[in-house]
Every structure is written in structure tokens, then in C-alpha cells.
Amino acid sequence: MLQRITAGHLERLSEQQKQKLRSWWVPQEGEYIFFSGQEEMIYYLSGVEKRRSLPLLSIGLMMAYVAQQGHTLTVDSVCEEWVVRLSGFEAKASELCDALWDVMISIL
């Protein structure tokens, strides 16, 4: 099971969506980021260039973002497929991380 998004997920974002994600994101030590074309872990917060980095969000961080935006999220598993519902939007994927990312894109 994927625990976080990858650089490939971030490629689906527009520049405006990337800026919105950066404005919400508060870097933490131990998180993974995408910086200078590669995935890295944050070891020291002083080394993070937030304006040039993007977070590789975990399942928990994606759920927290959805909640902070005032949305109610439901998550179900049906026939080996994850179904994530948001008012007026539904995402399905074999990986929970992928379905949550689809929801994130719809909010961003």
C-alpha cells in the first residue's frame, strides 16, 4: 500500500495548484519532499526551500487538508478498490493514496 504520493502525482498539478499546496504546507522534519528533480527527506527544517519544494503528502496529511478545507470525507473499500467521496465528487483507485490524491486535486 502506498503511504504517500510520489513525484509523478505532483506532475498533474497546475502552477496555481502547486502554489496553493505550498501556502498550506508547513514543512516538518521526517517528511518527504520533491526538490530539484528528486525525492528527499527533510532532515533539518533550515535546509528546506519551501518556494522551490513540494510536499510528498502522506495519506494522513491529505485527509487533514481535506478536513481543514471544511469538507467531509468518506472512505470505503469495495471489491479491492478504494472509494473516496466528497460532496459532489467521487474517486476510485486500487490504492487509497491515489484516490485521496484525486480528491486533493479537485479541492486545490
PDB file of N, CA and C in Angstrom:
ATOM      1  N   MET A   1       0.841  -1.177   0.000  1.00  0.00           N
ATOM      2  CA  MET A   1       0.000   0.000   0.000  1.00  0.00           C
ATOM      3  C   MET A   1       0.884   1.238   0.000  1.00  0.00           C
ATOM      4  N   LEU A   2       0.617   2.142  -0.921  1.00  0.00           N
ATOM      5  CA  LEU A   2       1.327   3.420  -0.956  1.00  0.00           C
ATOM      6  C   LEU A   2       0.986   4.220   0.288  1.00  0.00           C
ATOM      7  N   GLN A   3       1.990   4.784   0.926  1.00  0.00           N
ATOM      8  CA  GLN A   3       1.770   5.592   2.123  1.00  0.00           C
ATOM      9  C   GLN A   3       1.788   7.092   1.831  1.00  0.00           C
ATOM     10  N   ARG A   4       2.362   7.461   0.664  1.00  0.00           N
ATOM     11  CA  ARG A   4       2.450   8.872   0.299  1.00  0.00           C
ATOM     12  C   ARG A   4       2.487   9.003  -1.215  1.00  0.00           C
ATOM     13  N   ILE A   5       2.223  10.209  -1.692  1.00  0.00           N
ATOM     14  CA  ILE A   5       2.281  10.452  -3.126  1.00  0.00           C
ATOM     15  C   ILE A   5       3.734  10.469  -3.580  1.00  0.00           C
ATOM     16  N   THR A   6       3.919  10.418  -4.891  1.00  0.00           N
ATOM     17  CA  THR A   6       5.255  10.453  -5.485  1.00  0.00           C
ATOM     18  C   THR A   6       5.384  11.684  -6.376  1.00  0.00           C
ATOM     19  N   ALA A   7       6.551  11.884  -6.929  1.00  0.00           N
ATOM     20  CA  ALA A   7       6.771  12.998  -7.852  1.00  0.00           C
ATOM     21  C   ALA A   7       5.809  12.904  -9.038  1.00  0.00           C
ATOM     22  N   GLY A   8       5.499  11.696  -9.469  1.00  0.00           N
ATOM     23  CA  GLY A   8       4.553  11.513 -10.580  1.00  0.00           C
ATOM     24  C   GLY A   8       3.181  12.082 -10.288  1.00  0.00           C
ATOM     25  N   HIS A   9       2.748  11.998  -9.051  1.00  0.00           N
ATOM     26  CA  HIS A   9       1.457  12.577  -8.674  1.00  0.00           C
ATOM     27  C   HIS A   9       1.483  14.098  -8.828  1.00  0.00           C
ATOM     28  N   LEU A  10       2.589  14.709  -8.429  1.00  0.00           N
ATOM     29  CA  LEU A  10       2.707  16.170  -8.467  1.00  0.00           C
ATOM     30  C   LEU A  10       2.680  16.722  -9.886  1.00  0.00           C
ATOM     31  N   GLU A  11       3.067  15.916 -10.857  1.00  0.00           N
ATOM     32  CA  GLU A  11       3.088  16.362 -12.250  1.00  0.00           C
ATOM     33  C   GLU A  11       1.698  16.719 -12.767  1.00  0.00           C
ATOM     34  N   ARG A  12       0.675  16.229 -12.108  1.00  0.00           N
ATOM     35  CA  ARG A  12      -0.702  16.503 -12.534  1.00  0.00           C
ATOM     36  C   ARG A  12      -1.206  17.873 -12.093  1.00  0.00           C
ATOM     37  N   LEU A  13      -0.441  18.579 -11.270  1.00  0.00           N
ATOM     38  CA  LEU A  13      -0.875  19.873 -10.747  1.00  0.00           C
ATOM     39  C   LEU A  13      -0.505  21.025 -11.668  1.00  0.00           C
ATOM     40  N   SER A  14      -1.394  22.007 -11.723  1.00  0.00           N
ATOM     41  CA  SER A  14      -1.079  23.252 -12.425  1.00  0.00           C
ATOM     42  C   SER A  14      -0.201  24.099 -11.512  1.00  0.00           C
ATOM     43  N   GLU A  15       0.379  25.167 -12.046  1.00  0.00           N
ATOM     44  CA  GLU A  15       1.213  26.053 -11.231  1.00  0.00           C
ATOM     45  C   GLU A  15       0.384  26.681 -10.108  1.00  0.00           C
ATOM     46  N   GLN A  16      -0.850  27.032 -10.405  1.00  0.00           N
ATOM     47  CA  GLN A  16      -1.727  27.623  -9.383  1.00  0.00           C
ATOM     48  C   GLN A  16      -1.998  26.621  -8.258  1.00  0.00           C
ATOM     49  N   GLN A  17      -2.229  25.374  -8.597  1.00  0.00           N
ATOM     50  CA  GLN A  17      -2.465  24.343  -7.586  1.00  0.00           C
ATOM     51  C   GLN A  17      -1.202  24.109  -6.749  1.00  0.00           C
ATOM     52  N   LYS A  18      -0.049  24.142  -7.379  1.00  0.00           N
ATOM     53  CA  LYS A  18       1.212  23.972  -6.647  1.00  0.00           C
ATOM     54  C   LYS A  18       1.393  25.097  -5.631  1.00  0.00           C
ATOM     55  N   GLN A  19       1.080  26.330  -6.036  1.00  0.00           N
ATOM     56  CA  GLN A  19       1.207  27.462  -5.119  1.00  0.00           C
ATOM     57  C   GLN A  19       0.235  27.347  -3.953  1.00  0.00           C
ATOM     58  N   LYS A  20      -0.968  26.896  -4.217  1.00  0.00           N
ATOM     59  CA  LYS A  20      -1.955  26.726  -3.153  1.00  0.00           C
ATOM     60  C   LYS A  20      -1.494  25.649  -2.169  1.00  0.00           C
ATOM     61  N   LEU A  21      -0.918  24.556  -2.687  1.00  0.00           N
ATOM     62  CA  LEU A  21      -0.407  23.493  -1.834  1.00  0.00           C
ATOM     63  C   LEU A  21       0.744  24.005  -0.968  1.00  0.00           C
ATOM     64  N   ARG A  22       1.663  24.768  -1.565  1.00  0.00           N
ATOM     65  CA  ARG A  22       2.785  25.325  -0.804  1.00  0.00           C
ATOM     66  C   ARG A  22       2.316  26.268   0.304  1.00  0.00           C
ATOM     67  N   SER A  23       1.280  27.067   0.006  1.00  0.00           N
ATOM     68  CA  SER A  23       0.815  28.037   1.009  1.00  0.00           C
ATOM     69  C   SER A  23       0.205  27.333   2.218  1.00  0.00           C
ATOM     70  N   TRP A  24      -0.386  26.170   2.036  1.00  0.00           N
ATOM     71  CA  TRP A  24      -0.982  25.411   3.139  1.00  0.00           C
ATOM     72  C   TRP A  24       0.068  24.619   3.919  1.00  0.00           C
ATOM     73  N   TRP A  25       1.056  24.122   3.219  1.00  0.00           N
ATOM     74  CA  TRP A  25       2.033  23.185   3.759  1.00  0.00           C
ATOM     75  C   TRP A  25       2.966  23.820   4.781  1.00  0.00           C
ATOM     76  N   VAL A  26       3.133  23.146   5.906  1.00  0.00           N
ATOM     77  CA  VAL A  26       4.097  23.533   6.932  1.00  0.00           C
ATOM     78  C   VAL A  26       5.111  22.392   7.020  1.00  0.00           C
ATOM     79  N   PRO A  27       6.322  22.598   6.495  1.00  0.00           N
ATOM     80  CA  PRO A  27       7.322  21.520   6.492  1.00  0.00           C
ATOM     81  C   PRO A  27       7.637  21.012   7.901  1.00  0.00           C
ATOM     82  N   GLN A  28       7.846  19.705   7.998  1.00  0.00           N
ATOM     83  CA  GLN A  28       8.192  19.056   9.260  1.00  0.00           C
ATOM     84  C   GLN A  28       9.371  18.114   9.017  1.00  0.00           C
ATOM     85  N   GLU A  29      10.223  17.997  10.015  1.00  0.00           N
ATOM     86  CA  GLU A  29      11.330  17.051   9.906  1.00  0.00           C
ATOM     87  C   GLU A  29      10.762  15.642   9.750  1.00  0.00           C
ATOM     88  N   GLY A  30      11.381  14.853   8.885  1.00  0.00           N
ATOM     89  CA  GLY A  30      10.936  13.485   8.637  1.00  0.00           C
ATOM     90  C   GLY A  30       9.977  13.349   7.471  1.00  0.00           C
ATOM     91  N   GLU A  31       9.459  14.462   6.956  1.00  0.00           N
ATOM     92  CA  GLU A  31       8.579  14.422   5.789  1.00  0.00           C
ATOM     93  C   GLU A  31       9.411  14.269   4.517  1.00  0.00           C
ATOM     94  N   TYR A  32       8.746  13.776   3.486  1.00  0.00           N
ATOM     95  CA  TYR A  32       9.383  13.669   2.177  1.00  0.00           C
ATOM     96  C   TYR A  32       8.929  14.829   1.314  1.00  0.00           C
ATOM     97  N   ILE A  33       9.872  15.325   0.515  1.00  0.00           N
ATOM     98  CA  ILE A  33       9.574  16.430  -0.388  1.00  0.00           C
ATOM     99  C   ILE A  33      10.132  16.117  -1.771  1.00  0.00           C
ATOM    100  N   PHE A  34       9.665  16.897  -2.748  1.00  0.00           N
ATOM    101  CA  PHE A  34      10.208  16.850  -4.098  1.00  0.00           C
ATOM    102  C   PHE A  34      10.938  18.164  -4.302  1.00  0.00           C
ATOM    103  N   PHE A  35      12.263  18.076  -4.534  1.00  0.00           N
ATOM    104  CA  PHE A  35      13.101  19.257  -4.658  1.00  0.00           C
ATOM    105  C   PHE A  35      14.183  18.989  -5.690  1.00  0.00           C
ATOM    106  N   SER A  36      14.367  19.918  -6.612  1.00  0.00           N
ATOM    107  CA  SER A  36      15.409  19.822  -7.643  1.00  0.00           C
ATOM    108  C   SER A  36      15.365  18.499  -8.402  1.00  0.00           C
ATOM    109  N   GLY A  37      14.160  18.060  -8.751  1.00  0.00           N
ATOM    110  CA  GLY A  37      14.013  16.867  -9.571  1.00  0.00           C
ATOM    111  C   GLY A  37      14.154  15.545  -8.853  1.00  0.00           C
ATOM    112  N   GLN A  38      14.207  15.570  -7.521  1.00  0.00           N
ATOM    113  CA  GLN A  38      14.324  14.303  -6.797  1.00  0.00           C
ATOM    114  C   GLN A  38      13.547  14.329  -5.480  1.00  0.00           C
ATOM    115  N   GLU A  39      13.234  13.134  -5.020  1.00  0.00           N
ATOM    116  CA  GLU A  39      12.544  12.968  -3.753  1.00  0.00           C
ATOM    117  C   GLU A  39      13.579  12.935  -2.635  1.00  0.00           C
ATOM    118  N   GLU A  40      13.321  13.708  -1.576  1.00  0.00           N
ATOM    119  CA  GLU A  40      14.239  13.789  -0.449  1.00  0.00           C
ATOM    120  C   GLU A  40      13.453  13.795   0.849  1.00  0.00           C
ATOM    121  N   MET A  41      14.133  13.430   1.941  1.00  0.00           N
ATOM    122  CA  MET A  41      13.526  13.538   3.258  1.00  0.00           C
ATOM    123  C   MET A  41      14.051  14.811   3.930  1.00  0.00           C
ATOM    124  N   ILE A  42      13.192  15.472   4.688  1.00  0.00           N
ATOM    125  CA  ILE A  42      13.605  16.663   5.425  1.00  0.00           C
ATOM    126  C   ILE A  42      14.315  16.205   6.699  1.00  0.00           C
ATOM    127  N   TYR A  43      15.586  16.535   6.788  1.00  0.00           N
ATOM    128  CA  TYR A  43      16.348  16.219   7.996  1.00  0.00           C
ATOM    129  C   TYR A  43      16.448  17.442   8.903  1.00  0.00           C
ATOM    130  N   TYR A  44      16.603  18.613   8.294  1.00  0.00           N
ATOM    131  CA  TYR A  44      16.710  19.861   9.036  1.00  0.00           C
ATOM    132  C   TYR A  44      15.802  20.887   8.375  1.00  0.00           C
ATOM    133  N   LEU A  45      14.933  21.490   9.159  1.00  0.00           N
ATOM    134  CA  LEU A  45      13.993  22.462   8.600  1.00  0.00           C
ATOM    135  C   LEU A  45      14.696  23.657   7.982  1.00  0.00           C
ATOM    136  N   SER A  46      15.848  24.015   8.492  1.00  0.00           N
ATOM    137  CA  SER A  46      16.571  25.171   7.952  1.00  0.00           C
ATOM    138  C   SER A  46      17.033  24.942   6.514  1.00  0.00           C
ATOM    139  N   GLY A  47      17.078  23.696   6.073  1.00  0.00           N
ATOM    140  CA  GLY A  47      17.513  23.389   4.718  1.00  0.00           C
ATOM    141  C   GLY A  47      16.398  23.319   3.693  1.00  0.00           C
ATOM    142  N   VAL A  48      15.161  23.570   4.103  1.00  0.00           N
ATOM    143  CA  VAL A  48      14.017  23.451   3.199  1.00  0.00           C
ATOM    144  C   VAL A  48      13.756  24.776   2.490  1.00  0.00           C
ATOM    145  N   GLU A  49      13.782  24.739   1.158  1.00  0.00           N
ATOM    146  CA  GLU A  49      13.413  25.902   0.360  1.00  0.00           C
ATOM    147  C   GLU A  49      11.962  25.713  -0.055  1.00  0.00           C
ATOM    148  N   LYS A  50      11.054  26.192   0.777  1.00  0.00           N
ATOM    149  CA  LYS A  50       9.623  25.945   0.568  1.00  0.00           C
ATOM    150  C   LYS A  50       9.135  26.443  -0.789  1.00  0.00           C
ATOM    151  N   ARG A  51       9.642  27.552  -1.251  1.00  0.00           N
ATOM    152  CA  ARG A  51       9.167  28.115  -2.522  1.00  0.00           C
ATOM    153  C   ARG A  51       9.599  27.286  -3.724  1.00  0.00           C
ATOM    154  N   ARG A  52      10.575  26.372  -3.534  1.00  0.00           N
ATOM    155  CA  ARG A  52      11.049  25.529  -4.635  1.00  0.00           C
ATOM    156  C   ARG A  52      10.782  24.048  -4.393  1.00  0.00           C
ATOM    157  N   SER A  53      10.133  23.731  -3.277  1.00  0.00           N
ATOM    158  CA  SER A  53       9.861  22.338  -2.919  1.00  0.00           C
ATOM    159  C   SER A  53       8.353  22.091  -2.914  1.00  0.00           C
ATOM    160  N   LEU A  54       7.991  20.823  -3.030  1.00  0.00           N
ATOM    161  CA  LEU A  54       6.596  20.411  -2.871  1.00  0.00           C
ATOM    162  C   LEU A  54       6.554  19.215  -1.938  1.00  0.00           C
ATOM    163  N   PRO A  55       5.544  19.152  -1.096  1.00  0.00           N
ATOM    164  CA  PRO A  55       5.448  18.022  -0.169  1.00  0.00           C
ATOM    165  C   PRO A  55       4.977  16.758  -0.869  1.00  0.00           C
ATOM    166  N   LEU A  56       5.540  15.640  -0.487  1.00  0.00           N
ATOM    167  CA  LEU A  56       5.065  14.336  -0.946  1.00  0.00           C
ATOM    168  C   LEU A  56       4.137  13.833   0.170  1.00  0.00           C
ATOM    169  N   LEU A  57       2.893  14.269   0.079  1.00  0.00           N
ATOM    170  CA  LEU A  57       1.917  14.102   1.150  1.00  0.00           C
ATOM    171  C   LEU A  57       1.621  12.648   1.483  1.00  0.00           C
ATOM    172  N   SER A  58       1.490  12.401   2.779  1.00  0.00           N
ATOM    173  CA  SER A  58       1.076  11.082   3.259  1.00  0.00           C
ATOM    174  C   SER A  58      -0.455  11.016   3.230  1.00  0.00           C
ATOM    175  N   ILE A  59      -0.976   9.822   3.416  1.00  0.00           N
ATOM    176  CA  ILE A  59      -2.425   9.635   3.485  1.00  0.00           C
ATOM    177  C   ILE A  59      -3.010  10.529   4.579  1.00  0.00           C
ATOM    178  N   GLY A  60      -2.364  10.555   5.733  1.00  0.00           N
ATOM    179  CA  GLY A  60      -2.853  11.364   6.843  1.00  0.00           C
ATOM    180  C   GLY A  60      -2.860  12.848   6.551  1.00  0.00           C
ATOM    181  N   LEU A  61      -1.806  13.354   5.896  1.00  0.00           N
ATOM    182  CA  LEU A  61      -1.759  14.776   5.554  1.00  0.00           C
ATOM    183  C   LEU A  61      -2.828  15.145   4.535  1.00  0.00           C
ATOM    184  N   MET A  62      -3.103  14.252   3.589  1.00  0.00           N
ATOM    185  CA  MET A  62      -4.166  14.540   2.628  1.00  0.00           C
ATOM    186  C   MET A  62      -5.524  14.603   3.322  1.00  0.00           C
ATOM    187  N   MET A  63      -5.770  13.678   4.250  1.00  0.00           N
ATOM    188  CA  MET A  63      -7.035  13.689   4.988  1.00  0.00           C
ATOM    189  C   MET A  63      -7.136  14.951   5.851  1.00  0.00           C
ATOM    190  N   ALA A  64      -6.030  15.371   6.450  1.00  0.00           N
ATOM    191  CA  ALA A  64      -6.026  16.587   7.261  1.00  0.00           C
ATOM    192  C   ALA A  64      -6.331  17.815   6.406  1.00  0.00           C
ATOM    193  N   TYR A  65      -5.756  17.893   5.210  1.00  0.00           N
ATOM    194  CA  TYR A  65      -6.013  19.028   4.316  1.00  0.00           C
ATOM    195  C   TYR A  65      -7.488  19.103   3.956  1.00  0.00           C
ATOM    196  N   VAL A  66      -8.072  17.972   3.592  1.00  0.00           N
ATOM    197  CA  VAL A  66      -9.493  17.943   3.222  1.00  0.00           C
ATOM    198  C   VAL A  66     -10.341  18.445   4.386  1.00  0.00           C
ATOM    199  N   ALA A  67     -10.053  17.986   5.586  1.00  0.00           N
ATOM    200  CA  ALA A  67     -10.809  18.402   6.770  1.00  0.00           C
ATOM    201  C   ALA A  67     -10.619  19.895   7.050  1.00  0.00           C
ATOM    202  N   GLN A  68      -9.395  20.393   6.921  1.00  0.00           N
ATOM    203  CA  GLN A  68      -9.127  21.808   7.174  1.00  0.00           C
ATOM    204  C   GLN A  68      -9.826  22.719   6.174  1.00  0.00           C
ATOM    205  N   GLN A  69     -10.127  22.188   5.008  1.00  0.00           N
ATOM    206  CA  GLN A  69     -10.843  22.972   3.999  1.00  0.00           C
ATOM    207  C   GLN A  69     -12.357  22.924   4.227  1.00  0.00           C
ATOM    208  N   GLY A  70     -12.771  22.228   5.283  1.00  0.00           N
ATOM    209  CA  GLY A  70     -14.190  22.188   5.640  1.00  0.00           C
ATOM    210  C   GLY A  70     -15.007  21.131   4.927  1.00  0.00           C
ATOM    211  N   HIS A  71     -14.351  20.155   4.336  1.00  0.00           N
ATOM    212  CA  HIS A  71     -15.046  19.098   3.615  1.00  0.00           C
ATOM    213  C   HIS A  71     -15.191  17.855   4.483  1.00  0.00           C
ATOM    214  N   THR A  72     -16.262  17.120   4.251  1.00  0.00           N
ATOM    215  CA  THR A  72     -16.463  15.838   4.912  1.00  0.00           C
ATOM    216  C   THR A  72     -16.103  14.748   3.916  1.00  0.00           C
ATOM    217  N   LEU A  73     -15.287  13.824   4.355  1.00  0.00           N
ATOM    218  CA  LEU A  73     -14.748  12.785   3.504  1.00  0.00           C
ATOM    219  C   LEU A  73     -15.244  11.437   3.995  1.00  0.00           C
ATOM    220  N   THR A  74     -15.631  10.571   3.065  1.00  0.00           N
ATOM    221  CA  THR A  74     -15.937   9.187   3.430  1.00  0.00           C
ATOM    222  C   THR A  74     -15.020   8.278   2.620  1.00  0.00           C
ATOM    223  N   VAL A  75     -14.552   7.229   3.270  1.00  0.00           N
ATOM    224  CA  VAL A  75     -13.629   6.287   2.644  1.00  0.00           C
ATOM    225  C   VAL A  75     -14.197   4.884   2.811  1.00  0.00           C
ATOM    226  N   ASP A  76     -14.345   4.177   1.700  1.00  0.00           N
ATOM    227  CA  ASP A  76     -14.833   2.800   1.711  1.00  0.00           C
ATOM    228  C   ASP A  76     -13.913   1.935   0.870  1.00  0.00           C
ATOM    229  N   SER A  77     -13.926   0.656   1.159  1.00  0.00           N
ATOM    230  CA  SER A  77     -13.206  -0.320   0.353  1.00  0.00           C
ATOM    231  C   SER A  77     -14.236  -1.288  -0.206  1.00  0.00           C
ATOM    232  N   VAL A  78     -14.333  -1.334  -1.536  1.00  0.00           N
ATOM    233  CA  VAL A  78     -15.323  -2.169  -2.200  1.00  0.00           C
ATOM    234  C   VAL A  78     -14.619  -3.015  -3.255  1.00  0.00           C
ATOM    235  N   CYS A  79     -14.688  -4.321  -3.116  1.00  0.00           N
ATOM    236  CA  CYS A  79     -14.112  -5.235  -4.111  1.00  0.00           C
ATOM    237  C   CYS A  79     -12.667  -4.865  -4.467  1.00  0.00           C
ATOM    238  N   GLU A  80     -11.825  -4.737  -3.455  1.00  0.00           N
ATOM    239  CA  GLU A  80     -10.406  -4.435  -3.631  1.00  0.00           C
ATOM    240  C   GLU A  80     -10.148  -3.084  -4.310  1.00  0.00           C
ATOM    241  N   GLU A  81     -11.101  -2.168  -4.160  1.00  0.00           N
ATOM    242  CA  GLU A  81     -10.948  -0.830  -4.713  1.00  0.00           C
ATOM    243  C   GLU A  81     -11.348   0.173  -3.638  1.00  0.00           C
ATOM    244  N   TRP A  82     -10.571   1.233  -3.496  1.00  0.00           N
ATOM    245  CA  TRP A  82     -10.891   2.291  -2.555  1.00  0.00           C
ATOM    246  C   TRP A  82     -11.821   3.289  -3.207  1.00  0.00           C
ATOM    247  N   VAL A  83     -12.847   3.686  -2.478  1.00  0.00           N
ATOM    248  CA  VAL A  83     -13.797   4.687  -2.951  1.00  0.00           C
ATOM    249  C   VAL A  83     -13.782   5.825  -1.931  1.00  0.00           C
ATOM    250  N   VAL A  84     -13.385   6.999  -2.385  1.00  0.00           N
ATOM    251  CA  VAL A  84     -13.321   8.180  -1.531  1.00  0.00           C
ATOM    252  C   VAL A  84     -14.335   9.179  -2.057  1.00  0.00           C
ATOM    253  N   ARG A  85     -15.237   9.604  -1.164  1.00  0.00           N
ATOM    254  CA  ARG A  85     -16.314  10.511  -1.558  1.00  0.00           C
ATOM    255  C   ARG A  85     -16.200  11.830  -0.815  1.00  0.00           C
ATOM    256  N   LEU A  86     -16.453  12.857  -1.563  1.00  0.00           N
ATOM    257  CA  LEU A  86     -16.510  14.215  -1.074  1.00  0.00           C
ATOM    258  C   LEU A  86     -17.807  14.765  -1.645  1.00  0.00           C
ATOM    259  N   SER A  87     -18.450  15.697  -1.007  1.00  0.00           N
ATOM    260  CA  SER A  87     -19.722  16.197  -1.535  1.00  0.00           C
ATOM    261  C   SER A  87     -19.579  16.572  -3.014  1.00  0.00           C
ATOM    262  N   GLY A  88     -20.285  15.854  -3.852  1.00  0.00           N
ATOM    263  CA  GLY A  88     -20.264  16.121  -5.286  1.00  0.00           C
ATOM    264  C   GLY A  88     -19.086  15.534  -6.043  1.00  0.00           C
ATOM    265  N   PHE A  89     -18.246  14.764  -5.393  1.00  0.00           N
ATOM    266  CA  PHE A  89     -17.076  14.183  -6.068  1.00  0.00           C
ATOM    267  C   PHE A  89     -16.799  12.793  -5.511  1.00  0.00           C
ATOM    268  N   GLU A  90     -16.407  11.883  -6.405  1.00  0.00           N
ATOM    269  CA  GLU A  90     -16.062  10.524  -6.000  1.00  0.00           C
ATOM    270  C   GLU A  90     -14.815  10.089  -6.754  1.00  0.00           C
ATOM    271  N   ALA A  91     -13.887   9.476  -6.033  1.00  0.00           N
ATOM    272  CA  ALA A  91     -12.656   8.964  -6.649  1.00  0.00           C
ATOM    273  C   ALA A  91     -12.516   7.494  -6.298  1.00  0.00           C
ATOM    274  N   LYS A  92     -12.095   6.702  -7.283  1.00  0.00           N
ATOM    275  CA  LYS A  92     -11.880   5.273  -7.072  1.00  0.00           C
ATOM    276  C   LYS A  92     -10.489   4.905  -7.552  1.00  0.00           C
ATOM    277  N   ALA A  93      -9.822   4.032  -6.791  1.00  0.00           N
ATOM    278  CA  ALA A  93      -8.497   3.570  -7.184  1.00  0.00           C
ATOM    279  C   ALA A  93      -8.145   2.320  -6.385  1.00  0.00           C
ATOM    280  N   SER A  94      -7.210   1.556  -6.905  1.00  0.00           N
ATOM    281  CA  SER A  94      -6.766   0.362  -6.176  1.00  0.00           C
ATOM    282  C   SER A  94      -5.918   0.738  -4.966  1.00  0.00           C
ATOM    283  N   GLU A  95      -5.329   1.928  -4.976  1.00  0.00           N
ATOM    284  CA  GLU A  95      -4.537   2.439  -3.851  1.00  0.00           C
ATOM    285  C   GLU A  95      -5.296   3.597  -3.201  1.00  0.00           C
ATOM    286  N   LEU A  96      -5.418   3.576  -1.892  1.00  0.00           N
ATOM    287  CA  LEU A  96      -6.069   4.661  -1.166  1.00  0.00           C
ATOM    288  C   LEU A  96      -5.371   5.990  -1.436  1.00  0.00           C
ATOM    289  N   CYS A  97      -4.068   5.962  -1.480  1.00  0.00           N
ATOM    290  CA  CYS A  97      -3.282   7.166  -1.742  1.00  0.00           C
ATOM    291  C   CYS A  97      -3.684   7.814  -3.067  1.00  0.00           C
ATOM    292  N   ASP A  98      -3.878   7.015  -4.102  1.00  0.00           N
ATOM    293  CA  ASP A  98      -4.262   7.538  -5.419  1.00  0.00           C
ATOM    294  C   ASP A  98      -5.652   8.153  -5.397  1.00  0.00           C
ATOM    295  N   ALA A  99      -6.595   7.503  -4.721  1.00  0.00           N
ATOM    296  CA  ALA A  99      -7.960   8.034  -4.640  1.00  0.00           C
ATOM    297  C   ALA A  99      -7.976   9.344  -3.854  1.00  0.00           C
ATOM    298  N   LEU A 100      -7.239   9.409  -2.755  1.00  0.00           N
ATOM    299  CA  LEU A 100      -7.156  10.643  -1.976  1.00  0.00           C
ATOM    300  C   LEU A 100      -6.498  11.769  -2.778  1.00  0.00           C
ATOM    301  N   TRP A 101      -5.509  11.426  -3.583  1.00  0.00           N
ATOM    302  CA  TRP A 101      -4.851  12.442  -4.401  1.00  0.00           C
ATOM    303  C   TRP A 101      -5.824  13.028  -5.415  1.00  0.00           C
ATOM    304  N   ASP A 102      -6.662  12.202  -5.998  1.00  0.00           N
ATOM    305  CA  ASP A 102      -7.691  12.703  -6.916  1.00  0.00           C
ATOM    306  C   ASP A 102      -8.614  13.707  -6.213  1.00  0.00           C
ATOM    307  N   VAL A 103      -8.956  13.396  -4.961  1.00  0.00           N
ATOM    308  CA  VAL A 103      -9.781  14.320  -4.167  1.00  0.00           C
ATOM    309  C   VAL A 103      -9.007  15.613  -3.922  1.00  0.00           C
ATOM    310  N   MET A 104      -7.728  15.508  -3.575  1.00  0.00           N
ATOM    311  CA  MET A 104      -6.901  16.691  -3.333  1.00  0.00           C
ATOM    312  C   MET A 104      -6.870  17.592  -4.556  1.00  0.00           C
ATOM    313  N   ILE A 105      -6.690  17.004  -5.717  1.00  0.00           N
ATOM    314  CA  ILE A 105      -6.645  17.794  -6.950  1.00  0.00           C
ATOM    315  C   ILE A 105      -7.971  18.536  -7.167  1.00  0.00           C
ATOM    316  N   SER A 106      -9.078  17.880  -6.844  1.00  0.00           N
ATOM    317  CA  SER A 106     -10.383  18.534  -7.030  1.00  0.00           C
ATOM    318  C   SER A 106     -10.566  19.717  -6.088  1.00  0.00           C
ATOM    319  N   ILE A 107      -9.912  19.700  -4.930  1.00  0.00           N
ATOM    320  CA  ILE A 107     -10.015  20.799  -3.971  1.00  0.00           C
ATOM    321  C   ILE A 107      -9.019  21.916  -4.289  1.00  0.00           C
ATOM    322  N   LEU A 108      -7.807  21.525  -4.677  1.00  0.00           N
ATOM    323  CA  LEU A 108      -6.774  22.521  -4.977  1.00  0.00           C
ATOM    324  C   LEU A 108      -7.181  23.357  -6.177  1.00  0.00           C
TER     325      LEU A 108
END
